[in-house]
N, C-alpha and C. Protein backbone atom coordinates (compact mmCIF):
# COMPACT_ATOMS: atom_id res chain seq x y z
N MET A 1 1.77 1.03 -16.60
CA MET A 1 2.82 0.32 -16.23
C MET A 1 1.98 -1.04 -15.57
N VAL A 2 2.56 -1.89 -15.73
CA VAL A 2 1.86 -3.52 -15.22
C VAL A 2 2.53 -3.80 -13.82
N TRP A 3 2.22 -4.03 -12.68
CA TRP A 3 2.59 -4.41 -11.69
C TRP A 3 1.97 -5.85 -11.26
N VAL A 4 2.75 -6.67 -10.55
CA VAL A 4 2.04 -7.84 -9.78
C VAL A 4 2.58 -8.32 -8.35
N THR A 5 1.63 -8.72 -7.75
CA THR A 5 2.08 -9.24 -6.19
C THR A 5 1.50 -10.34 -5.80
N ARG A 6 1.24 -10.56 -4.47
CA ARG A 6 0.83 -11.87 -4.04
C ARG A 6 -0.91 -11.48 -3.84
N ALA A 7 -1.71 -12.40 -3.99
CA ALA A 7 -2.91 -12.41 -3.85
C ALA A 7 -3.24 -12.05 -2.53
N ARG A 8 -4.53 -11.78 -2.07
CA ARG A 8 -5.15 -11.80 -0.88
C ARG A 8 -4.58 -10.34 -0.04
N PRO A 9 -4.63 -9.10 -0.63
CA PRO A 9 -3.60 -8.03 -0.12
C PRO A 9 -4.28 -7.76 1.31
N LYS A 10 -3.55 -6.97 2.01
CA LYS A 10 -4.02 -6.44 3.04
C LYS A 10 -3.91 -5.01 3.19
N VAL A 11 -2.64 -4.53 4.06
CA VAL A 11 -2.42 -3.07 4.18
C VAL A 11 -1.55 -2.55 2.71
N ILE A 12 -0.09 -3.57 2.65
CA ILE A 12 0.91 -2.60 2.04
C ILE A 12 0.82 -3.06 0.33
N ARG A 13 -0.07 -4.09 0.05
CA ARG A 13 -0.09 -4.67 -1.14
C ARG A 13 -1.26 -3.82 -1.50
N ILE A 14 -2.46 -3.01 -0.95
CA ILE A 14 -3.57 -2.05 -1.37
C ILE A 14 -2.56 -0.53 -1.46
N ALA A 15 -1.92 -0.33 -0.14
CA ALA A 15 -1.27 1.03 -0.20
C ALA A 15 -0.35 1.47 -1.37
N CYS A 16 0.55 0.28 -1.89
CA CYS A 16 1.55 0.73 -2.84
C CYS A 16 0.48 0.76 -4.23
N PRO A 17 -0.44 0.30 -4.53
CA PRO A 17 -1.01 0.35 -5.76
C PRO A 17 -1.62 2.02 -5.56
N TRP A 18 -2.06 2.25 -4.41
CA TRP A 18 -2.56 3.57 -3.98
C TRP A 18 -1.73 5.03 -4.59
N LEU A 19 -0.55 4.57 -3.94
CA LEU A 19 0.63 5.52 -4.14
C LEU A 19 1.00 5.64 -5.68
N ILE A 20 1.06 4.59 -6.34
CA ILE A 20 1.47 4.47 -7.80
C ILE A 20 -0.01 5.24 -8.40
N ARG A 21 -1.01 4.71 -8.32
CA ARG A 21 -2.11 5.66 -9.04
C ARG A 21 -2.31 6.88 -8.71
N ARG A 22 -2.17 7.15 -7.40
CA ARG A 22 -2.52 8.58 -7.20
C ARG A 22 -1.07 9.72 -7.21
N PHE A 23 0.13 9.19 -7.53
CA PHE A 23 1.11 10.01 -7.76
C PHE A 23 2.32 9.57 -8.88
N ILE A 24 1.80 8.26 -9.41
CA ILE A 24 3.07 7.87 -10.79
C ILE A 24 1.84 7.66 -12.12
N ASP A 25 1.05 6.75 -11.80
CA ASP A 25 0.51 6.50 -12.78
C ASP A 25 -1.27 6.04 -13.01
N PRO A 26 -1.82 6.76 -13.20
CA PRO A 26 -3.21 6.76 -12.49
C PRO A 26 -3.95 5.25 -13.51
N GLU A 27 -3.10 5.08 -14.52
CA GLU A 27 -3.45 4.23 -15.49
C GLU A 27 -2.93 2.71 -15.37
N SER A 28 -2.41 2.58 -14.08
CA SER A 28 -1.46 1.39 -14.08
C SER A 28 -2.56 0.08 -13.80
N VAL A 29 -2.11 -1.00 -13.95
CA VAL A 29 -2.73 -2.00 -14.01
C VAL A 29 -2.08 -3.28 -12.86
N PHE A 30 -2.73 -3.61 -11.86
CA PHE A 30 -2.27 -4.69 -10.87
C PHE A 30 -2.75 -6.26 -11.03
N MET A 31 -1.87 -6.87 -11.05
CA MET A 31 -2.32 -8.23 -10.79
C MET A 31 -2.00 -8.97 -9.69
N PHE A 32 -2.87 -9.71 -9.15
CA PHE A 32 -2.69 -10.09 -7.73
C PHE A 32 -2.81 -11.71 -8.01
N VAL A 33 -1.81 -12.50 -7.42
CA VAL A 33 -1.37 -13.77 -8.02
C VAL A 33 -1.14 -14.86 -6.77
N SER A 34 -1.01 -16.30 -7.14
CA SER A 34 -0.40 -16.66 -6.11
C SER A 34 1.22 -16.68 -5.86
N PRO A 35 1.56 -16.98 -4.40
CA PRO A 35 2.91 -16.06 -4.31
C PRO A 35 3.91 -17.04 -5.17
N SER A 36 3.63 -18.22 -5.40
CA SER A 36 4.74 -19.05 -6.22
C SER A 36 4.48 -18.40 -7.55
N SER A 37 3.56 -17.72 -7.96
CA SER A 37 3.41 -17.27 -9.43
C SER A 37 3.83 -15.92 -9.85
N VAL A 38 4.18 -15.15 -8.70
CA VAL A 38 4.54 -13.81 -9.16
C VAL A 38 5.44 -13.66 -10.37
N GLN A 39 6.86 -14.35 -9.78
CA GLN A 39 7.87 -14.18 -11.01
C GLN A 39 7.85 -14.37 -12.27
N ASP A 40 6.93 -15.75 -12.52
CA ASP A 40 6.37 -16.41 -13.75
C ASP A 40 5.17 -15.03 -14.27
N VAL A 41 4.66 -14.42 -13.84
CA VAL A 41 3.43 -13.43 -14.14
C VAL A 41 4.33 -12.19 -14.75
N ALA A 42 5.47 -12.15 -13.63
CA ALA A 42 6.16 -10.74 -14.29
C ALA A 42 6.58 -11.08 -15.31
N ASP A 43 7.54 -12.03 -15.49
CA ASP A 43 8.18 -12.33 -16.96
C ASP A 43 7.18 -12.30 -17.98
N ARG A 44 6.15 -13.08 -17.89
CA ARG A 44 5.31 -13.20 -19.07
C ARG A 44 4.64 -11.85 -19.57
N PHE A 45 4.34 -11.13 -18.56
CA PHE A 45 3.45 -9.85 -18.90
C PHE A 45 4.26 -8.44 -18.91
N ASN A 46 5.65 -8.50 -18.68
CA ASN A 46 6.68 -7.57 -18.24
C ASN A 46 5.94 -6.83 -17.44
N ALA A 47 5.70 -7.23 -16.07
CA ALA A 47 5.23 -6.71 -15.25
C ALA A 47 6.43 -6.42 -13.99
N THR A 48 6.06 -5.39 -12.95
CA THR A 48 7.00 -5.38 -11.96
C THR A 48 6.86 -5.99 -10.84
N PRO A 49 7.04 -6.82 -10.11
CA PRO A 49 6.95 -7.51 -9.08
C PRO A 49 7.40 -6.41 -7.79
N PHE A 50 6.51 -6.51 -6.75
CA PHE A 50 6.37 -5.82 -5.73
C PHE A 50 5.93 -6.40 -4.30
N ASP A 51 6.42 -5.98 -3.07
CA ASP A 51 6.09 -6.72 -1.79
C ASP A 51 6.16 -8.14 -2.07
N VAL A 52 7.25 -8.62 -2.93
CA VAL A 52 7.78 -10.05 -2.63
C VAL A 52 9.12 -10.20 -2.38
N ASP A 53 9.54 -11.26 -1.84
CA ASP A 53 11.35 -11.60 -1.45
C ASP A 53 11.95 -11.50 -3.06
N ASN A 54 13.00 -10.95 -2.88
CA ASN A 54 14.06 -10.98 -4.17
C ASN A 54 13.30 -9.62 -4.81
N ALA A 55 12.35 -8.86 -4.74
CA ALA A 55 12.01 -7.70 -5.51
C ALA A 55 12.51 -6.63 -5.37
N TYR A 56 12.79 -5.49 -6.43
CA TYR A 56 13.25 -4.55 -6.09
C TYR A 56 12.58 -3.57 -5.32
N TRP A 57 11.27 -3.60 -5.54
CA TRP A 57 10.10 -2.77 -4.67
C TRP A 57 9.70 -3.85 -3.22
N SER A 58 10.36 -3.81 -2.64
CA SER A 58 9.75 -4.96 -1.05
C SER A 58 10.67 -4.01 -0.45
N ASP A 59 10.29 -4.79 1.20
CA ASP A 59 10.78 -4.16 2.14
C ASP A 59 12.57 -3.89 2.18
N ARG A 60 12.75 -3.40 3.14
CA ARG A 60 14.44 -2.94 3.18
C ARG A 60 14.55 -2.87 4.51
N GLY A 61 15.15 -3.65 5.18
CA GLY A 61 15.58 -3.27 6.73
C GLY A 61 13.86 -3.29 7.50
N LYS A 62 14.38 -1.74 7.84
CA LYS A 62 12.96 -1.53 8.78
C LYS A 62 11.85 -0.80 8.11
N LYS A 63 12.57 -0.36 6.57
CA LYS A 63 11.58 0.32 5.52
C LYS A 63 10.75 -0.68 5.34
N CYS A 64 9.36 -0.40 5.13
CA CYS A 64 8.23 -1.44 4.33
C CYS A 64 8.35 -0.89 2.84
N THR A 65 7.69 -1.87 1.96
CA THR A 65 7.37 -1.31 0.59
C THR A 65 7.10 -0.21 0.29
N PHE A 66 6.26 0.40 1.03
CA PHE A 66 5.59 1.69 1.16
C PHE A 66 6.59 2.80 0.79
N ASP A 67 7.64 2.80 2.06
CA ASP A 67 8.44 3.62 2.57
C ASP A 67 9.64 3.70 1.24
N VAL A 68 9.72 2.46 0.84
CA VAL A 68 10.83 2.30 -0.35
C VAL A 68 10.34 3.12 -1.85
N MET A 69 9.30 2.92 -1.70
CA MET A 69 8.81 3.67 -3.07
C MET A 69 8.39 5.24 -3.03
N ILE A 70 8.40 5.56 -1.64
CA ILE A 70 8.51 6.97 -1.50
C ILE A 70 9.78 7.61 -1.71
N GLU A 71 10.90 6.69 -1.05
CA GLU A 71 12.10 7.08 -1.29
C GLU A 71 12.50 7.22 -2.71
N GLU A 72 12.22 6.11 -3.43
CA GLU A 72 12.90 5.59 -4.57
C GLU A 72 12.29 6.58 -5.61
N LEU A 73 11.11 6.84 -5.48
CA LEU A 73 10.40 7.72 -6.55
C LEU A 73 10.38 9.04 -6.15
N GLY A 74 11.10 9.59 -5.26
CA GLY A 74 10.97 11.06 -4.73
C GLY A 74 9.74 11.48 -4.55
N LEU A 75 9.17 11.08 -3.67
CA LEU A 75 7.64 11.45 -2.96
C LEU A 75 7.97 11.80 -1.81
N ASP A 76 9.12 11.96 -1.14
CA ASP A 76 9.22 12.25 0.14
C ASP A 76 8.47 13.39 0.31
N THR A 77 7.22 13.89 1.00
CA THR A 77 6.93 14.97 1.21
C THR A 77 6.33 14.65 2.83
N PRO A 78 6.06 15.89 3.60
CA PRO A 78 5.52 15.34 5.09
C PRO A 78 4.25 14.65 5.19
N ALA A 79 3.26 14.75 4.23
CA ALA A 79 2.06 14.03 4.14
C ALA A 79 2.18 12.88 4.12
N LEU A 80 3.00 12.69 3.03
CA LEU A 80 3.54 10.84 2.58
C LEU A 80 4.32 10.35 3.51
N SER A 81 5.10 11.18 4.18
CA SER A 81 6.03 10.38 5.58
C SER A 81 5.17 10.20 6.41
N GLU A 82 4.34 10.89 6.98
CA GLU A 82 3.56 10.65 7.79
C GLU A 82 2.55 9.49 7.56
N LEU A 83 1.86 9.42 6.60
CA LEU A 83 1.17 8.29 6.06
C LEU A 83 1.76 7.06 6.03
N GLY A 84 3.27 7.15 5.65
CA GLY A 84 3.69 5.90 5.42
C GLY A 84 4.21 5.30 6.87
N MET A 85 4.22 6.19 7.89
CA MET A 85 4.62 5.88 9.29
C MET A 85 3.39 4.98 9.77
N ILE A 86 1.86 5.69 9.68
CA ILE A 86 0.70 5.16 9.81
C ILE A 86 0.81 3.51 9.09
N ILE A 87 1.09 3.23 7.77
CA ILE A 87 0.92 2.30 6.90
C ILE A 87 2.13 1.11 7.65
N ARG A 88 3.41 1.80 8.03
CA ARG A 88 4.48 0.56 8.44
C ARG A 88 3.73 0.07 9.56
N GLY A 89 3.14 1.06 10.58
CA GLY A 89 3.03 0.40 11.84
C GLY A 89 1.63 -0.93 11.54
N ALA A 90 0.77 -0.56 10.76
CA ALA A 90 -0.36 -1.32 10.52
C ALA A 90 0.40 -2.73 9.96
N ASP A 91 1.28 -2.30 8.92
CA ASP A 91 1.71 -3.39 7.96
C ASP A 91 2.71 -4.45 8.93
N THR A 92 3.32 -4.07 9.91
CA THR A 92 4.34 -4.59 10.47
C THR A 92 3.99 -4.94 11.87
N GLY A 93 2.68 -5.09 12.16
CA GLY A 93 2.06 -5.24 13.55
C GLY A 93 2.66 -4.24 14.57
N GLN A 94 3.52 -3.51 14.47
CA GLN A 94 3.93 -2.34 15.18
C GLN A 94 2.73 -1.44 15.90
N LEU A 95 1.58 -1.52 16.18
CA LEU A 95 0.31 -0.71 16.33
C LEU A 95 0.70 0.43 17.22
N ASP A 96 1.46 0.45 17.93
CA ASP A 96 1.68 1.47 18.67
C ASP A 96 2.75 2.56 18.18
N LEU A 97 3.01 2.49 16.68
CA LEU A 97 3.86 2.89 15.93
C LEU A 97 3.32 4.76 15.65
N THR A 98 2.08 4.57 15.35
CA THR A 98 1.08 5.56 15.24
C THR A 98 -0.13 5.38 16.06
N PRO A 99 -0.82 6.32 16.45
CA PRO A 99 -2.33 6.13 17.00
C PRO A 99 -3.13 5.52 15.94
N GLN A 100 -3.13 5.93 14.35
CA GLN A 100 -4.08 5.35 13.70
C GLN A 100 -3.60 3.83 12.95
N SER A 101 -2.49 3.64 13.30
CA SER A 101 -2.09 2.35 12.71
C SER A 101 -3.38 1.56 13.05
N ALA A 102 -3.60 1.13 14.00
CA ALA A 102 -4.57 0.03 14.43
C ALA A 102 -5.73 0.12 13.82
N GLY A 103 -6.36 1.48 13.56
CA GLY A 103 -7.12 1.77 12.67
C GLY A 103 -7.27 1.29 11.30
N LEU A 104 -6.13 1.63 10.79
CA LEU A 104 -5.89 1.24 9.44
C LEU A 104 -5.98 -0.25 9.39
N LEU A 105 -5.24 -1.38 10.32
CA LEU A 105 -5.11 -2.43 10.07
C LEU A 105 -6.81 -2.86 9.92
N ALA A 106 -7.22 -2.43 11.12
CA ALA A 106 -8.70 -2.98 11.53
C ALA A 106 -9.36 -2.86 10.12
N ALA A 107 -9.31 -1.26 9.25
CA ALA A 107 -10.24 -1.50 8.21
C ALA A 107 -9.63 -2.45 7.17
N SER A 108 -8.34 -2.67 6.81
CA SER A 108 -7.55 -3.29 5.88
C SER A 108 -8.34 -4.94 6.22
N LEU A 109 -8.45 -5.37 7.26
CA LEU A 109 -8.76 -6.79 7.62
C LEU A 109 -10.22 -6.67 6.89
N GLY A 110 -11.15 -5.80 7.56
CA GLY A 110 -12.56 -5.67 7.03
C GLY A 110 -12.65 -5.57 5.42
N TYR A 111 -11.81 -4.68 4.79
CA TYR A 111 -11.94 -4.71 3.41
C TYR A 111 -11.74 -6.27 2.87
N SER A 112 -10.75 -6.69 3.54
CA SER A 112 -10.43 -8.44 2.98
C SER A 112 -11.25 -9.27 3.09
N ARG A 113 -12.11 -9.03 4.04
CA ARG A 113 -13.41 -9.95 4.38
C ARG A 113 -14.35 -9.48 3.49
N MET A 114 -14.65 -8.48 3.28
CA MET A 114 -15.77 -7.93 2.50
C MET A 114 -15.46 -8.14 0.86
N PHE A 115 -14.29 -8.49 0.72
CA PHE A 115 -14.09 -8.78 -0.99
C PHE A 115 -13.22 -9.91 -1.18
N ARG A 116 -14.09 -10.71 -1.71
CA ARG A 116 -13.01 -12.27 -2.44
C ARG A 116 -12.10 -11.51 -3.58
N ASP A 117 -12.63 -10.80 -4.51
CA ASP A 117 -12.03 -10.43 -5.62
C ASP A 117 -11.02 -9.43 -5.23
N ASP A 118 -9.41 -9.64 -5.28
CA ASP A 118 -8.63 -8.50 -4.86
C ASP A 118 -8.73 -7.37 -5.65
N LEU A 119 -8.93 -7.27 -6.85
CA LEU A 119 -9.05 -5.69 -7.61
C LEU A 119 -10.52 -5.27 -7.31
N ALA A 120 -11.49 -5.75 -7.01
CA ALA A 120 -12.60 -5.06 -6.19
C ALA A 120 -12.14 -4.68 -4.97
N GLN A 121 -11.47 -5.31 -4.17
CA GLN A 121 -10.95 -4.65 -2.74
C GLN A 121 -9.85 -3.49 -3.11
N LEU A 122 -8.93 -3.32 -4.02
CA LEU A 122 -8.27 -2.53 -4.17
C LEU A 122 -8.74 -1.25 -4.84
N ASP A 123 -10.09 -1.62 -5.52
CA ASP A 123 -10.81 -0.32 -5.88
C ASP A 123 -11.66 0.39 -5.10
N ALA A 124 -12.53 -0.29 -4.19
CA ALA A 124 -13.09 -0.20 -2.96
C ALA A 124 -12.35 0.49 -1.89
N ALA A 125 -10.91 0.18 -1.70
CA ALA A 125 -9.93 0.66 -0.50
C ALA A 125 -9.42 1.85 -0.91
N MET A 126 -9.29 2.59 -2.01
CA MET A 126 -8.72 3.50 -2.95
C MET A 126 -9.14 4.59 -1.72
N GLY A 127 -10.55 4.65 -1.52
CA GLY A 127 -11.16 5.82 -0.88
C GLY A 127 -10.42 6.21 0.62
N LEU A 128 -10.34 4.81 1.26
CA LEU A 128 -9.72 4.94 2.59
C LEU A 128 -8.39 5.33 2.38
N TYR A 129 -7.65 5.24 1.54
CA TYR A 129 -5.94 5.69 1.79
C TYR A 129 -6.20 7.17 1.03
N ASP A 130 -6.93 7.61 0.39
CA ASP A 130 -7.07 9.16 0.13
C ASP A 130 -7.65 9.75 1.11
N ALA A 131 -8.66 9.12 2.14
CA ALA A 131 -8.98 9.92 3.47
C ALA A 131 -7.65 9.98 4.26
N PHE A 132 -6.91 8.87 4.70
CA PHE A 132 -5.86 9.01 5.18
C PHE A 132 -5.02 9.94 4.89
N TYR A 133 -4.66 10.10 3.37
CA TYR A 133 -3.89 10.70 3.16
C TYR A 133 -4.19 12.27 3.04
N ARG A 134 -5.68 12.53 3.06
CA ARG A 134 -5.95 14.17 3.39
C ARG A 134 -5.82 14.20 4.76
N TRP A 135 -6.13 13.41 5.46
CA TRP A 135 -6.06 13.75 7.09
C TRP A 135 -4.48 14.22 7.27
N CYS A 136 -3.39 13.52 7.01
CA CYS A 136 -2.05 13.74 6.67
C CYS A 136 -1.56 14.84 6.54
N ARG A 137 -2.59 15.13 5.06
CA ARG A 137 -1.74 16.73 4.56
C ARG A 137 -2.43 17.93 5.23
N ASP A 138 -3.56 17.74 5.52
CA ASP A 138 -4.39 18.81 5.95
C ASP A 138 -5.26 18.69 7.33
N ALA A 139 -5.16 17.91 8.38
CA ALA A 139 -6.13 17.87 8.87
C ALA A 139 -5.53 17.12 10.25
N THR A 140 -4.39 17.13 10.49
CA THR A 140 -3.50 16.74 11.98
C THR A 140 -3.90 17.25 13.01
N GLU A 141 -4.11 18.52 12.85
CA GLU A 141 -4.05 19.47 13.96
C GLU A 141 -5.83 20.02 14.39
N GLU A 142 -6.63 19.04 13.53
CA GLU A 142 -7.89 19.47 13.48
C GLU A 142 -8.46 18.29 14.67
N THR A 143 -9.28 18.91 15.58
CA THR A 143 -9.85 17.79 16.78
C THR A 143 -11.63 17.90 16.54
N HIS A 144 -12.01 16.78 16.90
CA HIS A 144 -13.59 16.62 16.45
C HIS A 144 -14.41 17.98 17.01
N GLY A 145 -13.96 18.59 18.17
CA GLY A 145 -15.08 19.59 18.63
C GLY A 145 -14.86 20.65 17.56
């Protein structure tokens, strides 16, 4: 599968590729292009646009693109729903939505500044989303002590 979205990803444009690679297609390809080029690139490469205006895979009401993908792809598990709330809070600036949302936003902005190449940023940040997912799946009751 080939996917295309806007360049310079932060939260959702890393979270969605993570979801796709971990649960749908580990060999999926992602392209990050200027916002005005997304549809042209999608047409040229038969790619699926996401997190852009007028795309099927985009925000819907209060649901961010990650929420939409979880629902539409039949991936609604307790861990992914919990992760979705964290991501939604970070992506929409609702940092009080979950205690983890502000940390995810901070890490996402840090990754964005560490990498000029969007694909390198995606590869590096996969582990961050793996860690948040594992916390949601098996460690929410654990404390530091």
